[in-house]
Structure formats: C-alpha cells, structure tokens
Amino acid sequence: MTQYSKLIEKVIEAGDMAAKNQKSVRRNFKPDGSVLTETDLAIDQLLSDTLKELFPDANIVSEENPRDLFPDRKLTFALDPIDGTDAYSQGMPGWCVALGILNEQLLPVGGIIYAPRWGTDRERGVLLTALPDQEVLYNGSPLKIDADTKKQKQCLQMMISSKLHRTFDLSVYPGKLRSIGSSILHLAALLLHPGVTEVLLAPCFIWDIAAAHAIIKRKGFQVSYLNGKAIDYSVLIHRKKAAGHIVAGTNDSISALRSYFTEKQ
C-alpha cells in the first residue's frame, strides 16, 4: 500500500468518525465567533499524526493547529478537519474532510475530499481524490464531468458563500443560487452536480479551497480571484485570508460572472 493509499484510508476513517459523532456533537465557539467541535480537534490530531508518519518532511497547514513552516519542503498539506463545521454542528449534510496537496512551488497539485453524508451513495457518500499526476476519481471511479461538458452552459446555478448578500446584489444573477455550508463542496459541486455552472466565494483561507482547487483544475475548470488575479498560495500558507472573492467555473462562465459582479475597492 502506498503512502497516499494509507492517507486516503485515514481521511475516510476521520470522516466516518465525524459522521458517527454528528448526532451528539456540542457546539463551541472560537474567539472570532466561528464554530468549533471536539470532532474538529480529534480529526486534526488523527490526520496530522498520519501526515507526520507518512510524509515526515512535509509542511502541514491546518485550520485548528498553527505550525512552523519551512520554505524548502517539497510538499505542503492544507488540512481542514471539517470544512463546514457550522453546518456539521447543526446536523446538516454539507460538510467534509479536506486535504489539499501543494508542491514545492506552492501550486495545488492534489486533493482528497471526503463528504460521508453528501451525494447519492448512502453507503459511501462522496470521496473525491486527485493524487499528484493521477486522474480524478469519484468513489474510486473516473469522473465523466469536466469543463468541456459544461462549456456551453453558464449562469444556470451558482454555489455561493452564505454571507455574499452583504457584499453583492445577488438579484442580478439570472440563475439559481445555492449555499450548503462548505467552501470545498461549493467548488467540488462543479464536478458533482450537472446543473452547477459557477462558484463565487467570499475571501477564505487556504484550507477552505486548496483541495478542491487542485481537483477541479485537473478537470479543466478555472479558479481565480474575481478581479482576474491568480491566487497566490505562497501568501495563503501563512494563514492569511484570501485577498478577494474567489470565482470558479469555465472561462466563459467566469467571464459572465464578472459582468454581474465587481470586486469593491
């Protein structure tokens, strides 16, 4: 069994543990008002220990546990023990365990996403994997949806962050809007759900986007800032919030989004 195979097994173990604990979870709050549960901390410990064992020379950037970073490392992992903790803590299904993989140039080159309560497979949920230099797999099988399948589609359904109504006039968007509680699943929706054509996210952190960015990029979708600038992960690895709103989709759908929404200066 390879290092990555063992890592995927541990991500599945972590997600299954979270699903089992969900009905009895207790909501706690961080100083910034965001939700934290004991399961977040348990998964952070489990997967951090696993990464240290399997990839001892890699950087780990985790939402729940700040660590020293070393610029010469060949791999950096961006870990979100539960992306969508607020939804998770209220019994909602829109959450996942997410692990992004960045290379020495700090480009997203792989990801593992496990959402045990999402999707149509009641037994397995959703497991998306894209290991470095390997194809994207959905529950172990190649995915048929890619950017080409949505090339002629735009402004049908858009996944959005929950607070975007405070920044933009969303009534100008001609399609439907959906928000489920997880930035990772919002981005992954481009692959999982045939009607979703765009994503617009509020500024967030590396662990909220890296895994999904790597996976959907592998299938031809674009991810960038709304203002057109590239996302610089060399900044985000230092636990800095993204510099602006983030868009994802095909080139045409992103162009359409930019005609509706403009980043405020």
C-alpha atoms as a PDB file:
ATOM      1  CA  MET A   1       0.000   0.000   0.000  1.00  0.00           C
ATOM      2  CA  THR A   2       1.404   3.408  -0.976  1.00  0.00           C
ATOM      3  CA  GLN A   3       1.714   6.411   1.307  1.00  0.00           C
ATOM      4  CA  TYR A   4      -1.185   8.108  -0.434  1.00  0.00           C
ATOM      5  CA  SER A   5      -3.367   4.996  -0.207  1.00  0.00           C
ATOM      6  CA  LYS A   6      -2.799   4.921   3.553  1.00  0.00           C
ATOM      7  CA  LEU A   7      -3.567   8.628   3.729  1.00  0.00           C
ATOM      8  CA  ILE A   8      -6.863   8.196   1.881  1.00  0.00           C
ATOM      9  CA  GLU A   9      -7.821   5.404   4.285  1.00  0.00           C
ATOM     10  CA  LYS A  10      -7.183   7.723   7.235  1.00  0.00           C
ATOM     11  CA  VAL A  11      -9.244  10.530   5.674  1.00  0.00           C
ATOM     12  CA  ILE A  12     -12.125   8.072   5.272  1.00  0.00           C
ATOM     13  CA  GLU A  13     -11.672   6.940   8.869  1.00  0.00           C
ATOM     14  CA  ALA A  14     -11.802  10.564  10.006  1.00  0.00           C
ATOM     15  CA  GLY A  15     -14.943  11.330   8.006  1.00  0.00           C
ATOM     16  CA  ASP A  16     -16.710   8.234   9.254  1.00  0.00           C
ATOM     17  CA  MET A  17     -15.833   9.175  12.817  1.00  0.00           C
ATOM     18  CA  ALA A  18     -17.285  12.654  12.241  1.00  0.00           C
ATOM     19  CA  ALA A  19     -20.479  11.210  10.776  1.00  0.00           C
ATOM     20  CA  LYS A  20     -20.873   8.877  13.752  1.00  0.00           C
ATOM     21  CA  ASN A  21     -20.329  11.745  16.208  1.00  0.00           C
ATOM     22  CA  GLN A  22     -22.577  14.223  14.441  1.00  0.00           C
ATOM     23  CA  LYS A  23     -25.802  13.431  16.261  1.00  0.00           C
ATOM     24  CA  SER A  24     -24.220  14.104  19.666  1.00  0.00           C
ATOM     25  CA  VAL A  25     -21.819  16.921  18.826  1.00  0.00           C
ATOM     26  CA  ARG A  26     -21.630  20.008  21.029  1.00  0.00           C
ATOM     27  CA  ARG A  27     -21.163  23.472  19.548  1.00  0.00           C
ATOM     28  CA  ASN A  28     -18.297  25.559  20.925  1.00  0.00           C
ATOM     29  CA  PHE A  29     -17.090  28.893  19.612  1.00  0.00           C
ATOM     30  CA  LYS A  30     -13.677  30.331  18.798  1.00  0.00           C
ATOM     31  CA  PRO A  31     -12.790  33.931  19.713  1.00  0.00           C
ATOM     32  CA  ASP A  32     -13.759  35.032  16.181  1.00  0.00           C
ATOM     33  CA  GLY A  33     -17.253  33.562  16.599  1.00  0.00           C
ATOM     34  CA  SER A  34     -16.775  30.564  14.282  1.00  0.00           C
ATOM     35  CA  VAL A  35     -17.913  27.149  15.448  1.00  0.00           C
ATOM     36  CA  LEU A  36     -15.525  24.515  16.800  1.00  0.00           C
ATOM     37  CA  THR A  37     -16.301  20.972  17.941  1.00  0.00           C
ATOM     38  CA  GLU A  38     -14.307  18.280  19.692  1.00  0.00           C
ATOM     39  CA  THR A  39     -14.507  16.279  16.476  1.00  0.00           C
ATOM     40  CA  ASP A  40     -12.610  19.009  14.593  1.00  0.00           C
ATOM     41  CA  LEU A  41      -9.780  18.705  17.091  1.00  0.00           C
ATOM     42  CA  ALA A  42      -9.806  14.893  17.084  1.00  0.00           C
ATOM     43  CA  ILE A  43      -9.603  14.752  13.284  1.00  0.00           C
ATOM     44  CA  ASP A  44      -6.878  17.377  13.229  1.00  0.00           C
ATOM     45  CA  GLN A  45      -4.834  15.220  15.608  1.00  0.00           C
ATOM     46  CA  LEU A  46      -5.509  11.994  13.694  1.00  0.00           C
ATOM     47  CA  LEU A  47      -4.600  13.351  10.275  1.00  0.00           C
ATOM     48  CA  SER A  48      -1.698  15.481  11.469  1.00  0.00           C
ATOM     49  CA  ASP A  49      -0.159  12.416  13.126  1.00  0.00           C
ATOM     50  CA  THR A  50      -0.765  10.430   9.944  1.00  0.00           C
ATOM     51  CA  LEU A  51       0.915  13.079   7.787  1.00  0.00           C
ATOM     52  CA  LYS A  52       3.910  13.259  10.109  1.00  0.00           C
ATOM     53  CA  GLU A  53       4.294   9.487   9.884  1.00  0.00           C
ATOM     54  CA  LEU A  54       3.815   9.139   6.117  1.00  0.00           C
ATOM     55  CA  PHE A  55       5.375  12.417   4.953  1.00  0.00           C
ATOM     56  CA  PRO A  56       7.774  13.481   7.727  1.00  0.00           C
ATOM     57  CA  ASP A  57       9.424  16.193   5.621  1.00  0.00           C
ATOM     58  CA  ALA A  58       6.190  17.914   4.534  1.00  0.00           C
ATOM     59  CA  ASN A  59       4.676  21.151   5.795  1.00  0.00           C
ATOM     60  CA  ILE A  60       1.227  20.956   7.382  1.00  0.00           C
ATOM     61  CA  VAL A  61      -1.078  23.977   7.387  1.00  0.00           C
ATOM     62  CA  SER A  62      -4.142  23.169   9.475  1.00  0.00           C
ATOM     63  CA  GLU A  63      -7.105  25.308  10.423  1.00  0.00           C
ATOM     64  CA  GLU A  64      -7.026  24.176  14.029  1.00  0.00           C
ATOM     65  CA  ASN A  65      -3.315  23.956  14.842  1.00  0.00           C
ATOM     66  CA  PRO A  66      -0.735  26.576  13.720  1.00  0.00           C
ATOM     67  CA  ARG A  67       2.720  25.135  12.987  1.00  0.00           C
ATOM     68  CA  ASP A  68       6.105  26.354  11.813  1.00  0.00           C
ATOM     69  CA  LEU A  69       6.592  26.374   8.040  1.00  0.00           C
ATOM     70  CA  PHE A  70       9.772  25.534   6.157  1.00  0.00           C
ATOM     71  CA  PRO A  71      10.156  27.043   2.675  1.00  0.00           C
ATOM     72  CA  ASP A  72      12.343  24.277   1.247  1.00  0.00           C
ATOM     73  CA  ARG A  73       9.835  21.432   1.706  1.00  0.00           C
ATOM     74  CA  LYS A  74       8.715  19.585  -1.432  1.00  0.00           C
ATOM     75  CA  LEU A  75       5.158  19.058  -0.177  1.00  0.00           C
ATOM     76  CA  THR A  76       2.722  21.147   1.823  1.00  0.00           C
ATOM     77  CA  PHE A  77      -0.604  19.762   3.034  1.00  0.00           C
ATOM     78  CA  ALA A  78      -3.536  22.107   3.725  1.00  0.00           C
ATOM     79  CA  LEU A  79      -5.873  20.390   6.181  1.00  0.00           C
ATOM     80  CA  ASP A  80      -9.413  21.264   7.123  1.00  0.00           C
ATOM     81  CA  PRO A  81     -10.588  18.620   9.613  1.00  0.00           C
ATOM     82  CA  ILE A  82     -14.218  19.591   8.987  1.00  0.00           C
ATOM     83  CA  ASP A  83     -14.948  22.146   6.291  1.00  0.00           C
ATOM     84  CA  GLY A  84     -18.433  23.336   7.135  1.00  0.00           C
ATOM     85  CA  THR A  85     -18.281  22.968  10.912  1.00  0.00           C
ATOM     86  CA  ASP A  86     -21.302  25.217  11.436  1.00  0.00           C
ATOM     87  CA  ALA A  87     -23.431  23.023   9.165  1.00  0.00           C
ATOM     88  CA  TYR A  88     -21.950  19.882  10.733  1.00  0.00           C
ATOM     89  CA  SER A  89     -22.710  21.054  14.267  1.00  0.00           C
ATOM     90  CA  GLN A  90     -26.375  21.587  13.356  1.00  0.00           C
ATOM     91  CA  GLY A  91     -26.917  18.161  11.807  1.00  0.00           C
ATOM     92  CA  MET A  92     -26.737  19.337   8.188  1.00  0.00           C
ATOM     93  CA  PRO A  93     -25.041  17.217   5.493  1.00  0.00           C
ATOM     94  CA  GLY A  94     -22.958  19.955   3.812  1.00  0.00           C
ATOM     95  CA  TRP A  95     -19.535  19.286   5.333  1.00  0.00           C
ATOM     96  CA  CYS A  96     -16.410  17.310   4.503  1.00  0.00           C
ATOM     97  CA  VAL A  97     -12.885  16.398   5.500  1.00  0.00           C
ATOM     98  CA  ALA A  98     -10.498  18.135   3.089  1.00  0.00           C
ATOM     99  CA  LEU A  99      -6.778  17.760   2.467  1.00  0.00           C
ATOM    100  CA  GLY A 100      -5.031  19.790  -0.223  1.00  0.00           C
ATOM    101  CA  ILE A 101      -1.591  18.920  -1.597  1.00  0.00           C
ATOM    102  CA  LEU A 102       0.769  21.665  -2.779  1.00  0.00           C
ATOM    103  CA  ASN A 103       4.104  21.152  -4.497  1.00  0.00           C
ATOM    104  CA  GLU A 104       7.456  22.857  -3.906  1.00  0.00           C
ATOM    105  CA  GLN A 105       6.258  25.867  -5.922  1.00  0.00           C
ATOM    106  CA  LEU A 106       3.170  26.019  -3.677  1.00  0.00           C
ATOM    107  CA  LEU A 107       0.807  25.158  -6.502  1.00  0.00           C
ATOM    108  CA  PRO A 108      -2.215  22.932  -5.712  1.00  0.00           C
ATOM    109  CA  VAL A 109      -1.407  19.585  -7.331  1.00  0.00           C
ATOM    110  CA  GLY A 110      -3.674  17.168  -5.479  1.00  0.00           C
ATOM    111  CA  GLY A 111      -6.520  16.800  -3.073  1.00  0.00           C
ATOM    112  CA  ILE A 112      -8.589  14.390  -1.021  1.00  0.00           C
ATOM    113  CA  ILE A 113     -12.180  15.287  -0.131  1.00  0.00           C
ATOM    114  CA  TYR A 114     -14.475  13.012   1.832  1.00  0.00           C
ATOM    115  CA  ALA A 115     -18.088  14.009   2.478  1.00  0.00           C
ATOM    116  CA  PRO A 116     -19.748  10.944   4.032  1.00  0.00           C
ATOM    117  CA  ARG A 117     -23.243  12.467   4.151  1.00  0.00           C
ATOM    118  CA  TRP A 118     -23.253  14.119   0.724  1.00  0.00           C
ATOM    119  CA  GLY A 119     -24.253  12.769  -2.684  1.00  0.00           C
ATOM    120  CA  THR A 120     -26.456   9.912  -3.820  1.00  0.00           C
ATOM    121  CA  ASP A 121     -24.450   6.992  -2.443  1.00  0.00           C
ATOM    122  CA  ARG A 122     -25.874   6.452   1.047  1.00  0.00           C
ATOM    123  CA  GLU A 123     -23.197   3.916   1.924  1.00  0.00           C
ATOM    124  CA  ARG A 124     -20.082   5.736   0.719  1.00  0.00           C
ATOM    125  CA  GLY A 125     -21.057   9.395   0.452  1.00  0.00           C
ATOM    126  CA  VAL A 126     -18.639  11.350  -1.756  1.00  0.00           C
ATOM    127  CA  LEU A 127     -14.925  10.613  -1.959  1.00  0.00           C
ATOM    128  CA  LEU A 128     -13.028  12.767  -4.457  1.00  0.00           C
ATOM    129  CA  THR A 129      -9.334  12.116  -4.920  1.00  0.00           C
ATOM    130  CA  ALA A 130      -6.737  13.587  -7.242  1.00  0.00           C
ATOM    131  CA  LEU A 131      -3.266  12.496  -6.253  1.00  0.00           C
ATOM    132  CA  PRO A 132      -0.261  14.205  -7.871  1.00  0.00           C
ATOM    133  CA  ASP A 133      -0.011  13.188 -11.545  1.00  0.00           C
ATOM    134  CA  GLN A 134      -3.063  10.925 -11.294  1.00  0.00           C
ATOM    135  CA  GLU A 135      -6.613  11.265 -12.616  1.00  0.00           C
ATOM    136  CA  VAL A 136      -9.572  12.457 -10.591  1.00  0.00           C
ATOM    137  CA  LEU A 137     -11.569   9.648  -9.013  1.00  0.00           C
ATOM    138  CA  TYR A 138     -15.085   9.792  -7.587  1.00  0.00           C
ATOM    139  CA  ASN A 139     -15.621   6.929  -5.135  1.00  0.00           C
ATOM    140  CA  GLY A 140     -12.810   5.097  -6.883  1.00  0.00           C
ATOM    141  CA  SER A 141     -14.020   5.562 -10.476  1.00  0.00           C
ATOM    142  CA  PRO A 142     -13.039   8.124 -13.141  1.00  0.00           C
ATOM    143  CA  LEU A 143     -15.271  11.186 -13.329  1.00  0.00           C
ATOM    144  CA  LYS A 144     -17.095  11.914 -16.577  1.00  0.00           C
ATOM    145  CA  ILE A 145     -17.919  15.558 -15.856  1.00  0.00           C
ATOM    146  CA  ASP A 146     -15.252  18.087 -16.821  1.00  0.00           C
ATOM    147  CA  ALA A 147     -15.065  21.648 -18.097  1.00  0.00           C
ATOM    148  CA  ASP A 148     -15.825  20.557 -21.673  1.00  0.00           C
ATOM    149  CA  THR A 149     -19.173  19.069 -20.628  1.00  0.00           C
ATOM    150  CA  LYS A 150     -20.202  22.486 -19.294  1.00  0.00           C
ATOM    151  CA  LYS A 151     -18.585  24.616 -21.989  1.00  0.00           C
ATOM    152  CA  GLN A 152     -21.849  25.892 -23.451  1.00  0.00           C
ATOM    153  CA  LYS A 153     -23.530  26.323 -20.078  1.00  0.00           C
ATOM    154  CA  GLN A 154     -23.366  29.416 -17.924  1.00  0.00           C
ATOM    155  CA  CYS A 155     -25.398  31.169 -15.265  1.00  0.00           C
ATOM    156  CA  LEU A 156     -27.642  28.172 -14.569  1.00  0.00           C
ATOM    157  CA  GLN A 157     -26.841  27.534 -10.909  1.00  0.00           C
ATOM    158  CA  MET A 158     -24.167  29.125  -8.745  1.00  0.00           C
ATOM    159  CA  MET A 159     -22.771  27.951  -5.428  1.00  0.00           C
ATOM    160  CA  ILE A 160     -22.174  30.880  -3.078  1.00  0.00           C
ATOM    161  CA  SER A 161     -20.831  31.644   0.376  1.00  0.00           C
ATOM    162  CA  SER A 162     -23.503  32.260   2.977  1.00  0.00           C
ATOM    163  CA  LYS A 163     -22.737  35.960   3.529  1.00  0.00           C
ATOM    164  CA  LEU A 164     -22.407  37.162  -0.073  1.00  0.00           C
ATOM    165  CA  HIS A 165     -25.714  39.013   0.144  1.00  0.00           C
ATOM    166  CA  ARG A 166     -23.891  41.501   2.360  1.00  0.00           C
ATOM    167  CA  THR A 167     -21.438  42.349  -0.417  1.00  0.00           C
ATOM    168  CA  PHE A 168     -23.230  41.925  -3.749  1.00  0.00           C
ATOM    169  CA  ASP A 169     -26.685  42.487  -5.203  1.00  0.00           C
ATOM    170  CA  LEU A 170     -27.404  38.828  -5.927  1.00  0.00           C
ATOM    171  CA  SER A 171     -30.677  39.622  -7.691  1.00  0.00           C
ATOM    172  CA  VAL A 172     -28.728  40.398 -10.891  1.00  0.00           C
ATOM    173  CA  TYR A 173     -27.711  36.764 -11.309  1.00  0.00           C
ATOM    174  CA  PRO A 174     -30.163  35.149 -13.776  1.00  0.00           C
ATOM    175  CA  GLY A 175     -29.877  31.576 -12.480  1.00  0.00           C
ATOM    176  CA  LYS A 176     -30.401  29.815  -9.156  1.00  0.00           C
ATOM    177  CA  LEU A 177     -28.238  30.294  -6.070  1.00  0.00           C
ATOM    178  CA  ARG A 178     -27.238  27.524  -3.685  1.00  0.00           C
ATOM    179  CA  SER A 179     -25.273  27.519  -0.419  1.00  0.00           C
ATOM    180  CA  ILE A 180     -24.630  24.381   1.614  1.00  0.00           C
ATOM    181  CA  GLY A 181     -22.078  25.398   4.236  1.00  0.00           C
ATOM    182  CA  SER A 182     -18.752  24.148   2.848  1.00  0.00           C
ATOM    183  CA  SER A 183     -16.443  26.118   0.546  1.00  0.00           C
ATOM    184  CA  ILE A 184     -14.758  22.885  -0.506  1.00  0.00           C
ATOM    185  CA  LEU A 185     -18.070  21.307  -1.529  1.00  0.00           C
ATOM    186  CA  HIS A 186     -19.140  24.522  -3.244  1.00  0.00           C
ATOM    187  CA  LEU A 187     -16.098  24.250  -5.519  1.00  0.00           C
ATOM    188  CA  ALA A 188     -16.423  20.484  -5.926  1.00  0.00           C
ATOM    189  CA  ALA A 189     -20.055  20.969  -6.981  1.00  0.00           C
ATOM    190  CA  LEU A 190     -18.778  21.805 -10.470  1.00  0.00           C
ATOM    191  CA  LEU A 191     -17.860  18.115 -10.748  1.00  0.00           C
ATOM    192  CA  LEU A 192     -20.578  16.576  -8.606  1.00  0.00           C
ATOM    193  CA  HIS A 193     -23.714  18.314  -9.835  1.00  0.00           C
ATOM    194  CA  PRO A 194     -24.508  18.759 -13.554  1.00  0.00           C
ATOM    195  CA  GLY A 195     -26.586  21.920 -13.108  1.00  0.00           C
ATOM    196  CA  VAL A 196     -23.921  23.907 -11.236  1.00  0.00           C
ATOM    197  CA  THR A 197     -22.004  26.183 -13.602  1.00  0.00           C
ATOM    198  CA  GLU A 198     -20.260  28.741 -11.368  1.00  0.00           C
ATOM    199  CA  VAL A 199     -18.947  29.300  -7.864  1.00  0.00           C
ATOM    200  CA  LEU A 200     -18.491  32.607  -6.036  1.00  0.00           C
ATOM    201  CA  LEU A 201     -16.829  32.509  -2.631  1.00  0.00           C
ATOM    202  CA  ALA A 202     -16.126  35.140  -0.015  1.00  0.00           C
ATOM    203  CA  PRO A 203     -12.456  35.615   0.948  1.00  0.00           C
ATOM    204  CA  CYS A 204     -11.394  32.499   2.856  1.00  0.00           C
ATOM    205  CA  PHE A 205      -8.318  30.525   3.912  1.00  0.00           C
ATOM    206  CA  ILE A 206      -6.022  28.015   2.247  1.00  0.00           C
ATOM    207  CA  TRP A 207      -7.690  25.028   3.923  1.00  0.00           C
ATOM    208  CA  ASP A 208     -11.077  26.172   2.544  1.00  0.00           C
ATOM    209  CA  ILE A 209     -10.035  25.922  -1.113  1.00  0.00           C
ATOM    210  CA  ALA A 210      -6.753  24.073  -1.788  1.00  0.00           C
ATOM    211  CA  ALA A 211      -8.070  20.502  -2.048  1.00  0.00           C
ATOM    212  CA  ALA A 212     -10.988  21.404  -4.296  1.00  0.00           C
ATOM    213  CA  HIS A 213      -8.909  23.834  -6.363  1.00  0.00           C
ATOM    214  CA  ALA A 214      -6.451  21.068  -7.241  1.00  0.00           C
ATOM    215  CA  ILE A 215      -9.206  18.605  -8.114  1.00  0.00           C
ATOM    216  CA  ILE A 216     -11.392  20.811 -10.308  1.00  0.00           C
ATOM    217  CA  LYS A 217      -8.343  22.324 -12.016  1.00  0.00           C
ATOM    218  CA  ARG A 218      -7.368  18.810 -13.081  1.00  0.00           C
ATOM    219  CA  LYS A 219     -10.739  18.579 -14.874  1.00  0.00           C
ATOM    220  CA  GLY A 220     -10.249  21.841 -16.750  1.00  0.00           C
ATOM    221  CA  PHE A 221     -12.100  24.321 -14.531  1.00  0.00           C
ATOM    222  CA  GLN A 222     -10.552  27.668 -13.672  1.00  0.00           C
ATOM    223  CA  VAL A 223     -10.172  29.143 -10.176  1.00  0.00           C
ATOM    224  CA  SER A 224      -9.036  32.717  -9.582  1.00  0.00           C
ATOM    225  CA  TYR A 225      -9.923  35.944  -7.864  1.00  0.00           C
ATOM    226  CA  LEU A 226     -12.981  37.805  -9.111  1.00  0.00           C
ATOM    227  CA  ASN A 227     -10.700  40.644 -10.232  1.00  0.00           C
ATOM    228  CA  GLY A 228      -8.826  38.259 -12.519  1.00  0.00           C
ATOM    229  CA  LYS A 229      -5.677  37.835 -10.455  1.00  0.00           C
ATOM    230  CA  ALA A 230      -4.244  34.405  -9.702  1.00  0.00           C
ATOM    231  CA  ILE A 231      -4.462  33.003  -6.177  1.00  0.00           C
ATOM    232  CA  ASP A 232      -1.026  33.203  -4.569  1.00  0.00           C
ATOM    233  CA  TYR A 233      -0.662  30.269  -2.200  1.00  0.00           C
ATOM    234  CA  SER A 234       2.743  31.488  -1.030  1.00  0.00           C
ATOM    235  CA  VAL A 235       0.768  34.114   0.873  1.00  0.00           C
ATOM    236  CA  LEU A 236      -2.073  31.855   1.995  1.00  0.00           C
ATOM    237  CA  ILE A 237       0.206  29.260   3.597  1.00  0.00           C
ATOM    238  CA  HIS A 238       0.931  31.819   6.304  1.00  0.00           C
ATOM    239  CA  ARG A 239      -2.696  31.591   7.454  1.00  0.00           C
ATOM    240  CA  LYS A 240      -3.616  34.786   5.616  1.00  0.00           C
ATOM    241  CA  LYS A 241      -7.153  35.200   4.294  1.00  0.00           C
ATOM    242  CA  ALA A 242      -7.513  35.306   0.509  1.00  0.00           C
ATOM    243  CA  ALA A 243      -7.083  38.780  -0.973  1.00  0.00           C
ATOM    244  CA  GLY A 244     -10.554  38.901  -2.509  1.00  0.00           C
ATOM    245  CA  HIS A 245     -13.618  36.981  -3.643  1.00  0.00           C
ATOM    246  CA  ILE A 246     -12.917  33.739  -5.497  1.00  0.00           C
ATOM    247  CA  VAL A 247     -14.613  32.534  -8.680  1.00  0.00           C
ATOM    248  CA  ALA A 248     -14.596  29.119 -10.327  1.00  0.00           C
ATOM    249  CA  GLY A 249     -16.052  27.647 -13.496  1.00  0.00           C
ATOM    250  CA  THR A 250     -15.238  27.563 -17.191  1.00  0.00           C
ATOM    251  CA  ASN A 251     -13.602  30.569 -18.833  1.00  0.00           C
ATOM    252  CA  ASP A 252     -16.954  31.593 -20.313  1.00  0.00           C
ATOM    253  CA  SER A 253     -18.918  31.204 -17.095  1.00  0.00           C
ATOM    254  CA  ILE A 254     -16.340  33.186 -15.132  1.00  0.00           C
ATOM    255  CA  SER A 255     -16.456  35.954 -17.738  1.00  0.00           C
ATOM    256  CA  ALA A 256     -20.228  36.026 -17.355  1.00  0.00           C
ATOM    257  CA  LEU A 257     -19.899  36.259 -13.574  1.00  0.00           C
ATOM    258  CA  ARG A 258     -17.535  39.199 -13.866  1.00  0.00           C
ATOM    259  CA  SER A 259     -20.135  41.039 -15.918  1.00  0.00           C
ATOM    260  CA  TYR A 260     -22.556  40.755 -12.992  1.00  0.00           C
ATOM    261  CA  PHE A 261     -20.257  41.213 -10.005  1.00  0.00           C
ATOM    262  CA  THR A 262     -17.313  43.551  -9.427  1.00  0.00           C
ATOM    263  CA  GLU A 263     -14.907  43.477  -6.504  1.00  0.00           C
ATOM    264  CA  LYS A 264     -15.326  46.575  -4.365  1.00  0.00           C
ATOM    265  CA  GLN A 265     -12.151  48.607  -3.912  1.00  0.00           C
END
